[in-house]
Amino acid sequence: MKRSDTHLFNDRARARSQWNTLVGTKRFHVHFTLGRELAQTLDETPLLAGLNPAAYEKWRSENKLVDNLSNRFRYASLVAGAD
């Protein structure tokens, strides 16, 4: 999270030494995702597959919620619980 924050808000961003150490161990698989790629990933999330997108948008606007993964999970669990 700190690496993303630094990258987004500092045009001279450099990775912290702890980040470089973790990545350098090759024990962790890291994929740094920002911007358009992240938005595309969220849009392609199959979480709402099989659910009515119009109903989701209605629920979201009624509850004054933004479209994010947490709210998609909440909606999917509500719909699944109603069945």
N, C-alpha and C. Protein backbone atom coordinates (compact mmCIF):
# COMPACT_ATOMS: atom_id res chain seq x y z
N MET A 1 0.81 -1.17 0.00
CA MET A 1 0.00 0.00 0.00
C MET A 1 0.87 1.25 0.00
N LYS A 2 1.92 1.25 0.78
CA LYS A 2 2.80 2.41 0.81
C LYS A 2 3.45 2.62 -0.55
N ARG A 3 3.80 1.54 -1.21
CA ARG A 3 4.43 1.65 -2.53
C ARG A 3 3.44 2.26 -3.52
N SER A 4 2.20 1.85 -3.49
CA SER A 4 1.20 2.40 -4.39
C SER A 4 0.98 3.88 -4.09
N ASP A 5 0.87 4.22 -2.82
CA ASP A 5 0.66 5.61 -2.44
C ASP A 5 1.81 6.49 -2.92
N THR A 6 3.02 6.04 -2.71
CA THR A 6 4.19 6.79 -3.14
C THR A 6 4.19 6.94 -4.66
N HIS A 7 3.88 5.87 -5.35
CA HIS A 7 3.89 5.91 -6.81
C HIS A 7 2.84 6.87 -7.35
N LEU A 8 1.68 6.91 -6.74
CA LEU A 8 0.59 7.75 -7.21
C LEU A 8 0.80 9.23 -6.91
N PHE A 9 1.37 9.54 -5.77
CA PHE A 9 1.41 10.93 -5.33
C PHE A 9 2.79 11.56 -5.33
N ASN A 10 3.75 10.89 -5.88
CA ASN A 10 5.10 11.46 -5.94
C ASN A 10 5.70 11.12 -7.29
N ASP A 11 5.94 12.13 -8.10
CA ASP A 11 6.44 11.86 -9.46
C ASP A 11 7.88 11.36 -9.46
N ARG A 12 8.58 11.47 -8.35
CA ARG A 12 9.94 10.94 -8.25
C ARG A 12 9.97 9.71 -7.35
N ALA A 13 8.93 8.90 -7.44
CA ALA A 13 8.78 7.76 -6.54
C ALA A 13 9.89 6.74 -6.70
N ARG A 14 10.36 6.28 -5.58
CA ARG A 14 11.33 5.18 -5.55
C ARG A 14 10.83 4.16 -4.54
N ALA A 15 11.07 2.93 -4.85
CA ALA A 15 10.65 1.87 -3.94
C ALA A 15 11.45 1.94 -2.66
N ARG A 16 10.78 1.64 -1.54
CA ARG A 16 11.47 1.59 -0.26
C ARG A 16 12.38 0.36 -0.22
N SER A 17 13.39 0.41 0.60
CA SER A 17 14.35 -0.70 0.66
C SER A 17 13.68 -2.00 1.10
N GLN A 18 12.67 -1.90 1.99
CA GLN A 18 11.95 -3.10 2.43
C GLN A 18 11.23 -3.77 1.26
N TRP A 19 10.64 -2.96 0.39
CA TRP A 19 9.95 -3.47 -0.80
C TRP A 19 10.93 -4.21 -1.70
N ASN A 20 12.07 -3.58 -1.95
CA ASN A 20 13.09 -4.20 -2.80
C ASN A 20 13.60 -5.51 -2.21
N THR A 21 13.73 -5.56 -0.89
CA THR A 21 14.18 -6.78 -0.23
C THR A 21 13.16 -7.90 -0.41
N LEU A 22 11.88 -7.59 -0.19
CA LEU A 22 10.83 -8.61 -0.35
C LEU A 22 10.77 -9.13 -1.78
N VAL A 23 10.79 -8.22 -2.73
CA VAL A 23 10.71 -8.62 -4.14
C VAL A 23 11.97 -9.40 -4.53
N GLY A 24 13.11 -9.00 -4.01
CA GLY A 24 14.37 -9.64 -4.35
C GLY A 24 14.52 -11.06 -3.84
N THR A 25 13.75 -11.44 -2.85
CA THR A 25 13.86 -12.80 -2.31
C THR A 25 13.31 -13.85 -3.26
N LYS A 26 12.45 -13.44 -4.20
CA LYS A 26 11.79 -14.34 -5.16
C LYS A 26 10.84 -15.31 -4.46
N ARG A 27 10.56 -15.08 -3.17
CA ARG A 27 9.63 -15.93 -2.43
C ARG A 27 8.19 -15.45 -2.58
N PHE A 28 8.04 -14.22 -3.01
CA PHE A 28 6.71 -13.62 -3.15
C PHE A 28 6.47 -13.26 -4.60
N HIS A 29 5.29 -13.55 -5.08
CA HIS A 29 4.93 -13.21 -6.44
C HIS A 29 4.20 -11.88 -6.40
N VAL A 30 4.81 -10.86 -6.98
CA VAL A 30 4.29 -9.50 -6.88
C VAL A 30 3.88 -9.02 -8.26
N HIS A 31 2.69 -8.46 -8.33
CA HIS A 31 2.23 -7.79 -9.55
C HIS A 31 1.70 -6.43 -9.13
N PHE A 32 2.40 -5.39 -9.49
CA PHE A 32 2.06 -4.03 -9.10
C PHE A 32 1.05 -3.49 -10.09
N THR A 33 -0.18 -3.25 -9.64
CA THR A 33 -1.27 -2.84 -10.52
C THR A 33 -1.77 -1.46 -10.13
N LEU A 34 -1.87 -0.58 -11.11
CA LEU A 34 -2.38 0.77 -10.87
C LEU A 34 -3.23 1.24 -12.04
N GLY A 35 -4.00 2.26 -11.79
CA GLY A 35 -4.70 3.00 -12.84
C GLY A 35 -5.62 2.19 -13.71
N ARG A 36 -5.42 2.32 -15.01
CA ARG A 36 -6.31 1.70 -15.99
C ARG A 36 -6.38 0.18 -15.83
N GLU A 37 -5.25 -0.42 -15.56
CA GLU A 37 -5.22 -1.88 -15.40
C GLU A 37 -6.08 -2.31 -14.21
N LEU A 38 -6.02 -1.56 -13.12
CA LEU A 38 -6.84 -1.88 -11.95
C LEU A 38 -8.32 -1.71 -12.26
N ALA A 39 -8.67 -0.62 -12.93
CA ALA A 39 -10.07 -0.38 -13.28
C ALA A 39 -10.58 -1.48 -14.20
N GLN A 40 -9.77 -1.90 -15.14
CA GLN A 40 -10.16 -2.96 -16.06
C GLN A 40 -10.34 -4.27 -15.30
N THR A 41 -9.47 -4.55 -14.36
CA THR A 41 -9.58 -5.77 -13.55
C THR A 41 -10.90 -5.78 -12.78
N LEU A 42 -11.26 -4.65 -12.18
CA LEU A 42 -12.51 -4.58 -11.43
C LEU A 42 -13.72 -4.72 -12.35
N ASP A 43 -13.64 -4.13 -13.55
CA ASP A 43 -14.76 -4.24 -14.49
C ASP A 43 -14.96 -5.67 -14.97
N GLU A 44 -13.88 -6.44 -15.02
CA GLU A 44 -13.97 -7.81 -15.52
C GLU A 44 -14.25 -8.81 -14.41
N THR A 45 -14.42 -8.32 -13.18
CA THR A 45 -14.67 -9.21 -12.06
C THR A 45 -15.98 -9.96 -12.28
N PRO A 46 -15.93 -11.27 -12.32
CA PRO A 46 -17.13 -12.05 -12.61
C PRO A 46 -18.08 -12.15 -11.41
N LEU A 47 -17.84 -11.36 -10.37
CA LEU A 47 -18.66 -11.45 -9.17
C LEU A 47 -20.13 -11.23 -9.46
N LEU A 48 -20.45 -10.32 -10.38
CA LEU A 48 -21.85 -10.04 -10.68
C LEU A 48 -22.37 -10.88 -11.84
N ALA A 49 -21.60 -11.84 -12.28
CA ALA A 49 -22.05 -12.71 -13.37
C ALA A 49 -23.32 -13.43 -12.94
N GLY A 50 -24.31 -13.39 -13.78
CA GLY A 50 -25.57 -14.05 -13.48
C GLY A 50 -26.53 -13.20 -12.67
N LEU A 51 -26.07 -12.04 -12.20
CA LEU A 51 -26.93 -11.14 -11.45
C LEU A 51 -27.38 -10.01 -12.37
N ASN A 52 -28.45 -9.37 -12.01
CA ASN A 52 -29.01 -8.30 -12.83
C ASN A 52 -28.25 -7.00 -12.57
N PRO A 53 -27.47 -6.51 -13.55
CA PRO A 53 -26.69 -5.28 -13.34
C PRO A 53 -27.55 -4.06 -13.03
N ALA A 54 -28.74 -3.99 -13.63
CA ALA A 54 -29.63 -2.85 -13.37
C ALA A 54 -30.10 -2.87 -11.91
N ALA A 55 -30.38 -4.05 -11.39
CA ALA A 55 -30.81 -4.17 -9.99
C ALA A 55 -29.66 -3.79 -9.05
N TYR A 56 -28.45 -4.19 -9.42
CA TYR A 56 -27.27 -3.82 -8.63
C TYR A 56 -27.11 -2.30 -8.60
N GLU A 57 -27.22 -1.66 -9.75
CA GLU A 57 -27.08 -0.20 -9.82
C GLU A 57 -28.16 0.49 -9.02
N LYS A 58 -29.38 -0.03 -9.07
CA LYS A 58 -30.48 0.54 -8.29
C LYS A 58 -30.19 0.42 -6.80
N TRP A 59 -29.79 -0.77 -6.35
CA TRP A 59 -29.45 -1.01 -4.95
C TRP A 59 -28.32 -0.08 -4.51
N ARG A 60 -27.31 0.06 -5.37
CA ARG A 60 -26.16 0.89 -5.06
C ARG A 60 -26.56 2.36 -4.91
N SER A 61 -27.38 2.86 -5.83
CA SER A 61 -27.78 4.27 -5.75
C SER A 61 -28.73 4.52 -4.57
N GLU A 62 -29.61 3.57 -4.28
CA GLU A 62 -30.51 3.72 -3.13
C GLU A 62 -29.74 3.80 -1.81
N ASN A 63 -28.64 3.07 -1.74
CA ASN A 63 -27.83 3.04 -0.52
C ASN A 63 -26.66 4.02 -0.56
N LYS A 64 -26.60 4.83 -1.63
CA LYS A 64 -25.54 5.84 -1.80
C LYS A 64 -24.15 5.24 -1.66
N LEU A 65 -23.92 4.17 -2.41
CA LEU A 65 -22.64 3.46 -2.37
C LEU A 65 -21.90 3.61 -3.69
N VAL A 66 -20.59 3.57 -3.61
CA VAL A 66 -19.78 3.58 -4.82
C VAL A 66 -19.65 2.16 -5.35
N ASP A 67 -19.26 2.04 -6.60
CA ASP A 67 -19.04 0.72 -7.18
C ASP A 67 -17.63 0.28 -6.86
N ASN A 68 -17.50 -0.64 -5.93
CA ASN A 68 -16.20 -1.23 -5.63
C ASN A 68 -16.40 -2.70 -5.29
N LEU A 69 -15.31 -3.39 -5.11
CA LEU A 69 -15.38 -4.83 -4.90
C LEU A 69 -16.11 -5.18 -3.61
N SER A 70 -15.92 -4.40 -2.56
CA SER A 70 -16.60 -4.68 -1.28
C SER A 70 -18.11 -4.59 -1.44
N ASN A 71 -18.57 -3.56 -2.15
CA ASN A 71 -20.01 -3.42 -2.34
C ASN A 71 -20.56 -4.48 -3.29
N ARG A 72 -19.77 -4.92 -4.22
CA ARG A 72 -20.21 -6.02 -5.09
C ARG A 72 -20.39 -7.30 -4.28
N PHE A 73 -19.47 -7.54 -3.34
CA PHE A 73 -19.60 -8.70 -2.45
C PHE A 73 -20.85 -8.58 -1.59
N ARG A 74 -21.07 -7.40 -1.04
CA ARG A 74 -22.25 -7.19 -0.20
C ARG A 74 -23.53 -7.47 -0.98
N TYR A 75 -23.60 -6.92 -2.20
CA TYR A 75 -24.80 -7.12 -3.00
C TYR A 75 -24.99 -8.60 -3.35
N ALA A 76 -23.91 -9.25 -3.76
CA ALA A 76 -24.00 -10.68 -4.13
C ALA A 76 -24.45 -11.51 -2.94
N SER A 77 -23.97 -11.18 -1.73
CA SER A 77 -24.39 -11.96 -0.57
C SER A 77 -25.85 -11.70 -0.22
N LEU A 78 -26.31 -10.46 -0.41
CA LEU A 78 -27.72 -10.16 -0.16
C LEU A 78 -28.64 -10.91 -1.12
N VAL A 79 -28.25 -10.92 -2.39
CA VAL A 79 -29.06 -11.61 -3.40
C VAL A 79 -29.04 -13.11 -3.16
N ALA A 80 -27.86 -13.65 -2.82
CA ALA A 80 -27.75 -15.09 -2.56
C ALA A 80 -28.56 -15.47 -1.33
N GLY A 81 -28.60 -14.60 -0.34
CA GLY A 81 -29.36 -14.88 0.88
C GLY A 81 -30.87 -14.80 0.66
N ALA A 82 -31.29 -14.06 -0.38
CA ALA A 82 -32.71 -13.91 -0.67
C ALA A 82 -33.27 -15.12 -1.39
N ASP A 83 -32.39 -15.93 -1.99
CA ASP A 83 -32.85 -17.10 -2.77
C ASP A 83 -33.36 -18.21 -1.91
